[in-house]
Amino acid sequence: MFKGRHFDRTIILLCVRWYLSYNLSLRDLKEMMAERGIEIDHSTIHRWIIHFSPRLLETFNRRKRQVSCRWHLDETLSN
């Protein structure tokens, strides 16, 4: 999935995760990466989000546990 990319996969995943989780703008992410010594253009981050978001969602849904119809109730005593 990340073969041939200029940046390391951890940087790509970090930018995509922060964008989707914390409602940050692309320019905010650019500044945050610049503070860490990584120069990335905001359009590059946008391309990553467009490219990797559907793939990450698909991977997540494949690994997600199935919800069952069974309910387990612990018995408690009340006095």
PDB file of N, CA and C in Angstrom:
ATOM      1  N   MET A   1       0.826  -1.194   0.000  1.00  0.00           N
ATOM      2  CA  MET A   1       0.000   0.000   0.000  1.00  0.00           C
ATOM      3  C   MET A   1       0.875   1.264   0.000  1.00  0.00           C
ATOM      4  N   PHE A   2       2.026   1.195   0.657  1.00  0.00           N
ATOM      5  CA  PHE A   2       2.872   2.379   0.789  1.00  0.00           C
ATOM      6  C   PHE A   2       4.139   2.296  -0.067  1.00  0.00           C
ATOM      7  N   LYS A   3       4.238   1.279  -0.900  1.00  0.00           N
ATOM      8  CA  LYS A   3       5.435   1.086  -1.691  1.00  0.00           C
ATOM      9  C   LYS A   3       5.610   2.229  -2.693  1.00  0.00           C
ATOM     10  N   GLY A   4       6.822   2.751  -2.770  1.00  0.00           N
ATOM     11  CA  GLY A   4       7.131   3.815  -3.716  1.00  0.00           C
ATOM     12  C   GLY A   4       6.790   5.211  -3.233  1.00  0.00           C
ATOM     13  N   ARG A   5       6.392   5.364  -1.994  1.00  0.00           N
ATOM     14  CA  ARG A   5       6.056   6.690  -1.449  1.00  0.00           C
ATOM     15  C   ARG A   5       7.328   7.392  -0.996  1.00  0.00           C
ATOM     16  N   HIS A   6       7.347   8.700  -1.145  1.00  0.00           N
ATOM     17  CA  HIS A   6       8.507   9.495  -0.744  1.00  0.00           C
ATOM     18  C   HIS A   6       8.649   9.552   0.775  1.00  0.00           C
ATOM     19  N   PHE A   7       7.518   9.644   1.470  1.00  0.00           N
ATOM     20  CA  PHE A   7       7.524   9.743   2.921  1.00  0.00           C
ATOM     21  C   PHE A   7       7.290   8.383   3.552  1.00  0.00           C
ATOM     22  N   ASP A   8       7.733   8.243   4.789  1.00  0.00           N
ATOM     23  CA  ASP A   8       7.555   7.015   5.537  1.00  0.00           C
ATOM     24  C   ASP A   8       6.075   6.775   5.820  1.00  0.00           C
ATOM     25  N   ARG A   9       5.695   5.505   5.924  1.00  0.00           N
ATOM     26  CA  ARG A   9       4.282   5.179   6.144  1.00  0.00           C
ATOM     27  C   ARG A   9       3.759   5.703   7.467  1.00  0.00           C
ATOM     28  N   THR A  10       4.629   5.836   8.495  1.00  0.00           N
ATOM     29  CA  THR A  10       4.161   6.353   9.782  1.00  0.00           C
ATOM     30  C   THR A  10       3.735   7.813   9.671  1.00  0.00           C
ATOM     31  N   ILE A  11       4.433   8.583   8.861  1.00  0.00           N
ATOM     32  CA  ILE A  11       4.079   9.988   8.660  1.00  0.00           C
ATOM     33  C   ILE A  11       2.755  10.099   7.911  1.00  0.00           C
ATOM     34  N   ILE A  12       2.591   9.272   6.899  1.00  0.00           N
ATOM     35  CA  ILE A  12       1.350   9.287   6.117  1.00  0.00           C
ATOM     36  C   ILE A  12       0.167   8.916   6.996  1.00  0.00           C
ATOM     37  N   LEU A  13       0.308   7.827   7.755  1.00  0.00           N
ATOM     38  CA  LEU A  13      -0.786   7.386   8.621  1.00  0.00           C
ATOM     39  C   LEU A  13      -1.095   8.399   9.710  1.00  0.00           C
ATOM     40  N   LEU A  14      -0.057   9.034  10.240  1.00  0.00           N
ATOM     41  CA  LEU A  14      -0.259  10.039  11.281  1.00  0.00           C
ATOM     42  C   LEU A  14      -1.053  11.226  10.742  1.00  0.00           C
ATOM     43  N   CYS A  15      -0.703  11.711   9.573  1.00  0.00           N
ATOM     44  CA  CYS A  15      -1.424  12.846   8.982  1.00  0.00           C
ATOM     45  C   CYS A  15      -2.869  12.491   8.674  1.00  0.00           C
ATOM     46  N   VAL A  16      -3.092  11.314   8.102  1.00  0.00           N
ATOM     47  CA  VAL A  16      -4.457  10.902   7.762  1.00  0.00           C
ATOM     48  C   VAL A  16      -5.275  10.728   9.034  1.00  0.00           C
ATOM     49  N   ARG A  17      -4.688  10.104  10.037  1.00  0.00           N
ATOM     50  CA  ARG A  17      -5.412   9.881  11.295  1.00  0.00           C
ATOM     51  C   ARG A  17      -5.768  11.193  11.973  1.00  0.00           C
ATOM     52  N   TRP A  18      -4.807  12.115  12.063  1.00  0.00           N
ATOM     53  CA  TRP A  18      -5.080  13.396  12.711  1.00  0.00           C
ATOM     54  C   TRP A  18      -6.136  14.185  11.959  1.00  0.00           C
ATOM     55  N   TYR A  19      -6.094  14.139  10.634  1.00  0.00           N
ATOM     56  CA  TYR A  19      -7.080  14.874   9.845  1.00  0.00           C
ATOM     57  C   TYR A  19      -8.486  14.328  10.089  1.00  0.00           C
ATOM     58  N   LEU A  20      -8.607  13.006  10.083  1.00  0.00           N
ATOM     59  CA  LEU A  20      -9.929  12.395  10.239  1.00  0.00           C
ATOM     60  C   LEU A  20     -10.432  12.430  11.680  1.00  0.00           C
ATOM     61  N   SER A  21      -9.532  12.357  12.639  1.00  0.00           N
ATOM     62  CA  SER A  21      -9.948  12.270  14.037  1.00  0.00           C
ATOM     63  C   SER A  21     -10.189  13.620  14.696  1.00  0.00           C
ATOM     64  N   TYR A  22      -9.361  14.588  14.399  1.00  0.00           N
ATOM     65  CA  TYR A  22      -9.370  15.827  15.173  1.00  0.00           C
ATOM     66  C   TYR A  22      -9.850  17.051  14.413  1.00  0.00           C
ATOM     67  N   ASN A  23     -10.382  16.877  13.212  1.00  0.00           N
ATOM     68  CA  ASN A  23     -10.947  17.992  12.464  1.00  0.00           C
ATOM     69  C   ASN A  23      -9.940  19.130  12.256  1.00  0.00           C
ATOM     70  N   LEU A  24      -8.713  18.766  11.923  1.00  0.00           N
ATOM     71  CA  LEU A  24      -7.676  19.755  11.648  1.00  0.00           C
ATOM     72  C   LEU A  24      -7.700  20.120  10.169  1.00  0.00           C
ATOM     73  N   SER A  25      -7.283  21.341   9.872  1.00  0.00           N
ATOM     74  CA  SER A  25      -7.190  21.729   8.470  1.00  0.00           C
ATOM     75  C   SER A  25      -5.883  21.182   7.892  1.00  0.00           C
ATOM     76  N   LEU A  26      -5.808  21.167   6.576  1.00  0.00           N
ATOM     77  CA  LEU A  26      -4.600  20.679   5.914  1.00  0.00           C
ATOM     78  C   LEU A  26      -3.400  21.570   6.230  1.00  0.00           C
ATOM     79  N   ARG A  27      -3.647  22.855   6.334  1.00  0.00           N
ATOM     80  CA  ARG A  27      -2.549  23.781   6.653  1.00  0.00           C
ATOM     81  C   ARG A  27      -2.106  23.643   8.110  1.00  0.00           C
ATOM     82  N   ASP A  28      -3.033  23.288   9.000  1.00  0.00           N
ATOM     83  CA  ASP A  28      -2.651  22.998  10.388  1.00  0.00           C
ATOM     84  C   ASP A  28      -1.729  21.787  10.444  1.00  0.00           C
ATOM     85  N   LEU A  29      -2.072  20.755   9.687  1.00  0.00           N
ATOM     86  CA  LEU A  29      -1.232  19.563   9.642  1.00  0.00           C
ATOM     87  C   LEU A  29       0.141  19.878   9.056  1.00  0.00           C
ATOM     88  N   LYS A  30       0.160  20.735   8.044  1.00  0.00           N
ATOM     89  CA  LYS A  30       1.432  21.154   7.445  1.00  0.00           C
ATOM     90  C   LYS A  30       2.310  21.839   8.495  1.00  0.00           C
ATOM     91  N   GLU A  31       1.718  22.718   9.290  1.00  0.00           N
ATOM     92  CA  GLU A  31       2.463  23.404  10.345  1.00  0.00           C
ATOM     93  C   GLU A  31       2.934  22.437  11.428  1.00  0.00           C
ATOM     94  N   MET A  32       2.075  21.491  11.803  1.00  0.00           N
ATOM     95  CA  MET A  32       2.442  20.522  12.837  1.00  0.00           C
ATOM     96  C   MET A  32       3.608  19.643  12.386  1.00  0.00           C
ATOM     97  N   MET A  33       3.602  19.267  11.133  1.00  0.00           N
ATOM     98  CA  MET A  33       4.717  18.466  10.610  1.00  0.00           C
ATOM     99  C   MET A  33       5.985  19.315  10.497  1.00  0.00           C
ATOM    100  N   ALA A  34       5.829  20.597  10.152  1.00  0.00           N
ATOM    101  CA  ALA A  34       6.990  21.484  10.063  1.00  0.00           C
ATOM    102  C   ALA A  34       7.640  21.668  11.431  1.00  0.00           C
ATOM    103  N   GLU A  35       6.824  21.701  12.504  1.00  0.00           N
ATOM    104  CA  GLU A  35       7.368  21.794  13.853  1.00  0.00           C
ATOM    105  C   GLU A  35       8.194  20.562  14.212  1.00  0.00           C
ATOM    106  N   ARG A  36       7.909  19.456  13.565  1.00  0.00           N
ATOM    107  CA  ARG A  36       8.645  18.211  13.804  1.00  0.00           C
ATOM    108  C   ARG A  36       9.786  18.023  12.808  1.00  0.00           C
ATOM    109  N   GLY A  37      10.016  19.024  11.956  1.00  0.00           N
ATOM    110  CA  GLY A  37      11.125  18.980  11.013  1.00  0.00           C
ATOM    111  C   GLY A  37      10.810  18.280   9.703  1.00  0.00           C
ATOM    112  N   ILE A  38       9.540  18.106   9.393  1.00  0.00           N
ATOM    113  CA  ILE A  38       9.134  17.428   8.168  1.00  0.00           C
ATOM    114  C   ILE A  38       8.394  18.425   7.288  1.00  0.00           C
ATOM    115  N   GLU A  39       8.942  18.722   6.137  1.00  0.00           N
ATOM    116  CA  GLU A  39       8.324  19.678   5.218  1.00  0.00           C
ATOM    117  C   GLU A  39       7.419  18.940   4.242  1.00  0.00           C
ATOM    118  N   ILE A  40       6.112  19.199   4.351  1.00  0.00           N
ATOM    119  CA  ILE A  40       5.102  18.590   3.490  1.00  0.00           C
ATOM    120  C   ILE A  40       4.163  19.689   3.025  1.00  0.00           C
ATOM    121  N   ASP A  41       3.798  19.633   1.772  1.00  0.00           N
ATOM    122  CA  ASP A  41       2.824  20.579   1.258  1.00  0.00           C
ATOM    123  C   ASP A  41       1.412  20.110   1.615  1.00  0.00           C
ATOM    124  N   HIS A  42       0.507  21.057   1.821  1.00  0.00           N
ATOM    125  CA  HIS A  42      -0.860  20.687   2.208  1.00  0.00           C
ATOM    126  C   HIS A  42      -1.566  19.895   1.119  1.00  0.00           C
ATOM    127  N   SER A  43      -1.212  20.122  -0.143  1.00  0.00           N
ATOM    128  CA  SER A  43      -1.848  19.358  -1.226  1.00  0.00           C
ATOM    129  C   SER A  43      -1.397  17.892  -1.211  1.00  0.00           C
ATOM    130  N   THR A  44      -0.187  17.636  -0.750  1.00  0.00           N
ATOM    131  CA  THR A  44       0.284  16.259  -0.607  1.00  0.00           C
ATOM    132  C   THR A  44      -0.529  15.537   0.459  1.00  0.00           C
ATOM    133  N   ILE A  45      -0.771  16.205   1.577  1.00  0.00           N
ATOM    134  CA  ILE A  45      -1.580  15.613   2.645  1.00  0.00           C
ATOM    135  C   ILE A  45      -2.999  15.345   2.142  1.00  0.00           C
ATOM    136  N   HIS A  46      -3.536  16.268   1.353  1.00  0.00           N
ATOM    137  CA  HIS A  46      -4.871  16.075   0.792  1.00  0.00           C
ATOM    138  C   HIS A  46      -4.915  14.844  -0.114  1.00  0.00           C
ATOM    139  N   ARG A  47      -3.909  14.661  -0.950  1.00  0.00           N
ATOM    140  CA  ARG A  47      -3.851  13.484  -1.817  1.00  0.00           C
ATOM    141  C   ARG A  47      -3.775  12.200  -0.993  1.00  0.00           C
ATOM    142  N   TRP A  48      -3.010  12.232   0.114  1.00  0.00           N
ATOM    143  CA  TRP A  48      -2.927  11.063   0.993  1.00  0.00           C
ATOM    144  C   TRP A  48      -4.300  10.727   1.562  1.00  0.00           C
ATOM    145  N   ILE A  49      -5.019  11.734   1.997  1.00  0.00           N
ATOM    146  CA  ILE A  49      -6.335  11.509   2.606  1.00  0.00           C
ATOM    147  C   ILE A  49      -7.296  10.926   1.582  1.00  0.00           C
ATOM    148  N   ILE A  50      -7.300  11.459   0.374  1.00  0.00           N
ATOM    149  CA  ILE A  50      -8.168  10.955  -0.685  1.00  0.00           C
ATOM    150  C   ILE A  50      -7.795   9.514  -1.037  1.00  0.00           C
ATOM    151  N   HIS A  51      -6.505   9.211  -1.074  1.00  0.00           N
ATOM    152  CA  HIS A  51      -6.039   7.888  -1.496  1.00  0.00           C
ATOM    153  C   HIS A  51      -6.171   6.834  -0.401  1.00  0.00           C
ATOM    154  N   PHE A  52      -5.786   7.169   0.830  1.00  0.00           N
ATOM    155  CA  PHE A  52      -5.678   6.161   1.869  1.00  0.00           C
ATOM    156  C   PHE A  52      -6.920   6.006   2.747  1.00  0.00           C
ATOM    157  N   SER A  53      -7.784   6.988   2.838  1.00  0.00           N
ATOM    158  CA  SER A  53      -8.964   6.879   3.700  1.00  0.00           C
ATOM    159  C   SER A  53      -9.868   5.698   3.337  1.00  0.00           C
ATOM    160  N   PRO A  54     -10.234   5.533   2.070  1.00  0.00           N
ATOM    161  CA  PRO A  54     -11.088   4.375   1.748  1.00  0.00           C
ATOM    162  C   PRO A  54     -10.390   3.042   2.004  1.00  0.00           C
ATOM    163  N   ARG A  55      -9.096   2.968   1.747  1.00  0.00           N
ATOM    164  CA  ARG A  55      -8.356   1.730   1.968  1.00  0.00           C
ATOM    165  C   ARG A  55      -8.254   1.397   3.450  1.00  0.00           C
ATOM    166  N   LEU A  56      -8.024   2.408   4.268  1.00  0.00           N
ATOM    167  CA  LEU A  56      -7.939   2.179   5.705  1.00  0.00           C
ATOM    168  C   LEU A  56      -9.295   1.776   6.272  1.00  0.00           C
ATOM    169  N   LEU A  57     -10.359   2.376   5.773  1.00  0.00           N
ATOM    170  CA  LEU A  57     -11.708   2.007   6.211  1.00  0.00           C
ATOM    171  C   LEU A  57     -12.013   0.554   5.845  1.00  0.00           C
ATOM    172  N   GLU A  58     -11.641   0.156   4.648  1.00  0.00           N
ATOM    173  CA  GLU A  58     -11.852  -1.231   4.217  1.00  0.00           C
ATOM    174  C   GLU A  58     -11.074  -2.210   5.102  1.00  0.00           C
ATOM    175  N   THR A  59      -9.837  -1.874   5.410  1.00  0.00           N
ATOM    176  CA  THR A  59      -9.017  -2.718   6.276  1.00  0.00           C
ATOM    177  C   THR A  59      -9.610  -2.793   7.674  1.00  0.00           C
ATOM    178  N   PHE A  60     -10.061  -1.659   8.184  1.00  0.00           N
ATOM    179  CA  PHE A  60     -10.674  -1.635   9.506  1.00  0.00           C
ATOM    180  C   PHE A  60     -11.926  -2.501   9.554  1.00  0.00           C
ATOM    181  N   ASN A  61     -12.776  -2.383   8.550  1.00  0.00           N
ATOM    182  CA  ASN A  61     -14.023  -3.143   8.531  1.00  0.00           C
ATOM    183  C   ASN A  61     -13.783  -4.646   8.413  1.00  0.00           C
ATOM    184  N   ARG A  62     -12.714  -5.047   7.730  1.00  0.00           N
ATOM    185  CA  ARG A  62     -12.396  -6.467   7.631  1.00  0.00           C
ATOM    186  C   ARG A  62     -11.957  -7.033   8.974  1.00  0.00           C
ATOM    187  N   ARG A  63     -11.248  -6.233   9.767  1.00  0.00           N
ATOM    188  CA  ARG A  63     -10.710  -6.708  11.040  1.00  0.00           C
ATOM    189  C   ARG A  63     -11.646  -6.473  12.214  1.00  0.00           C
ATOM    190  N   LYS A  64     -12.714  -5.754  11.990  1.00  0.00           N
ATOM    191  CA  LYS A  64     -13.653  -5.427  13.059  1.00  0.00           C
ATOM    192  C   LYS A  64     -14.383  -6.680  13.515  1.00  0.00           C
ATOM    193  N   ARG A  65     -14.582  -6.805  14.811  1.00  0.00           N
ATOM    194  CA  ARG A  65     -15.316  -7.951  15.344  1.00  0.00           C
ATOM    195  C   ARG A  65     -16.779  -7.860  14.988  1.00  0.00           C
ATOM    196  N   GLN A  66     -17.372  -8.993  14.757  1.00  0.00           N
ATOM    197  CA  GLN A  66     -18.796  -9.058  14.460  1.00  0.00           C
ATOM    198  C   GLN A  66     -19.595  -8.852  15.741  1.00  0.00           C
ATOM    199  N   VAL A  67     -20.697  -8.171  15.623  1.00  0.00           N
ATOM    200  CA  VAL A  67     -21.590  -7.965  16.755  1.00  0.00           C
ATOM    201  C   VAL A  67     -22.572  -9.130  16.774  1.00  0.00           C
ATOM    202  N   SER A  68     -22.719  -9.739  17.943  1.00  0.00           N
ATOM    203  CA  SER A  68     -23.630 -10.875  18.036  1.00  0.00           C
ATOM    204  C   SER A  68     -24.971 -10.425  18.605  1.00  0.00           C
ATOM    205  N   CYS A  69     -25.941 -11.318  18.513  1.00  0.00           N
ATOM    206  CA  CYS A  69     -27.276 -11.031  19.023  1.00  0.00           C
ATOM    207  C   CYS A  69     -27.425 -11.461  20.479  1.00  0.00           C
ATOM    208  N   ARG A  70     -26.413 -12.054  21.056  1.00  0.00           N
ATOM    209  CA  ARG A  70     -26.486 -12.531  22.427  1.00  0.00           C
ATOM    210  C   ARG A  70     -26.142 -11.428  23.415  1.00  0.00           C
ATOM    211  N   TRP A  71     -26.869 -11.431  24.502  1.00  0.00           N
ATOM    212  CA  TRP A  71     -26.611 -10.503  25.584  1.00  0.00           C
ATOM    213  C   TRP A  71     -26.285 -11.318  26.829  1.00  0.00           C
ATOM    214  N   HIS A  72     -25.249 -10.923  27.538  1.00  0.00           N
ATOM    215  CA  HIS A  72     -24.886 -11.581  28.785  1.00  0.00           C
ATOM    216  C   HIS A  72     -25.133 -10.594  29.919  1.00  0.00           C
ATOM    217  N   LEU A  73     -25.899 -11.035  30.886  1.00  0.00           N
ATOM    218  CA  LEU A  73     -26.248 -10.165  31.995  1.00  0.00           C
ATOM    219  C   LEU A  73     -25.679 -10.758  33.276  1.00  0.00           C
ATOM    220  N   ASP A  74     -24.941  -9.962  34.010  1.00  0.00           N
ATOM    221  CA  ASP A  74     -24.407 -10.414  35.290  1.00  0.00           C
ATOM    222  C   ASP A  74     -25.503 -10.317  36.331  1.00  0.00           C
ATOM    223  N   GLU A  75     -25.545 -11.321  37.161  1.00  0.00           N
ATOM    224  CA  GLU A  75     -26.536 -11.311  38.240  1.00  0.00           C
ATOM    225  C   GLU A  75     -25.976 -10.526  39.414  1.00  0.00           C
ATOM    226  N   THR A  76     -26.775  -9.621  39.933  1.00  0.00           N
ATOM    227  CA  THR A  76     -26.367  -8.854  41.099  1.00  0.00           C
ATOM    228  C   THR A  76     -27.437  -8.984  42.171  1.00  0.00           C
ATOM    229  N   LEU A  77     -26.988  -8.972  43.370  1.00  0.00           N
ATOM    230  CA  LEU A  77     -27.910  -9.051  44.506  1.00  0.00           C
ATOM    231  C   LEU A  77     -28.140  -7.662  45.060  1.00  0.00           C
ATOM    232  N   SER A  78     -29.359  -7.318  45.282  1.00  0.00           N
ATOM    233  CA  SER A  78     -29.666  -6.029  45.893  1.00  0.00           C
ATOM    234  C   SER A  78     -30.396  -6.257  47.196  1.00  0.00           C
ATOM    235  N   ASN A  79     -29.937  -5.639  48.205  1.00  0.00           N
ATOM    236  CA  ASN A  79     -30.552  -5.787  49.528  1.00  0.00           C
ATOM    237  C   ASN A  79     -31.278  -4.530  49.932  1.00  0.00           C
TER     238      ASN A  79
END
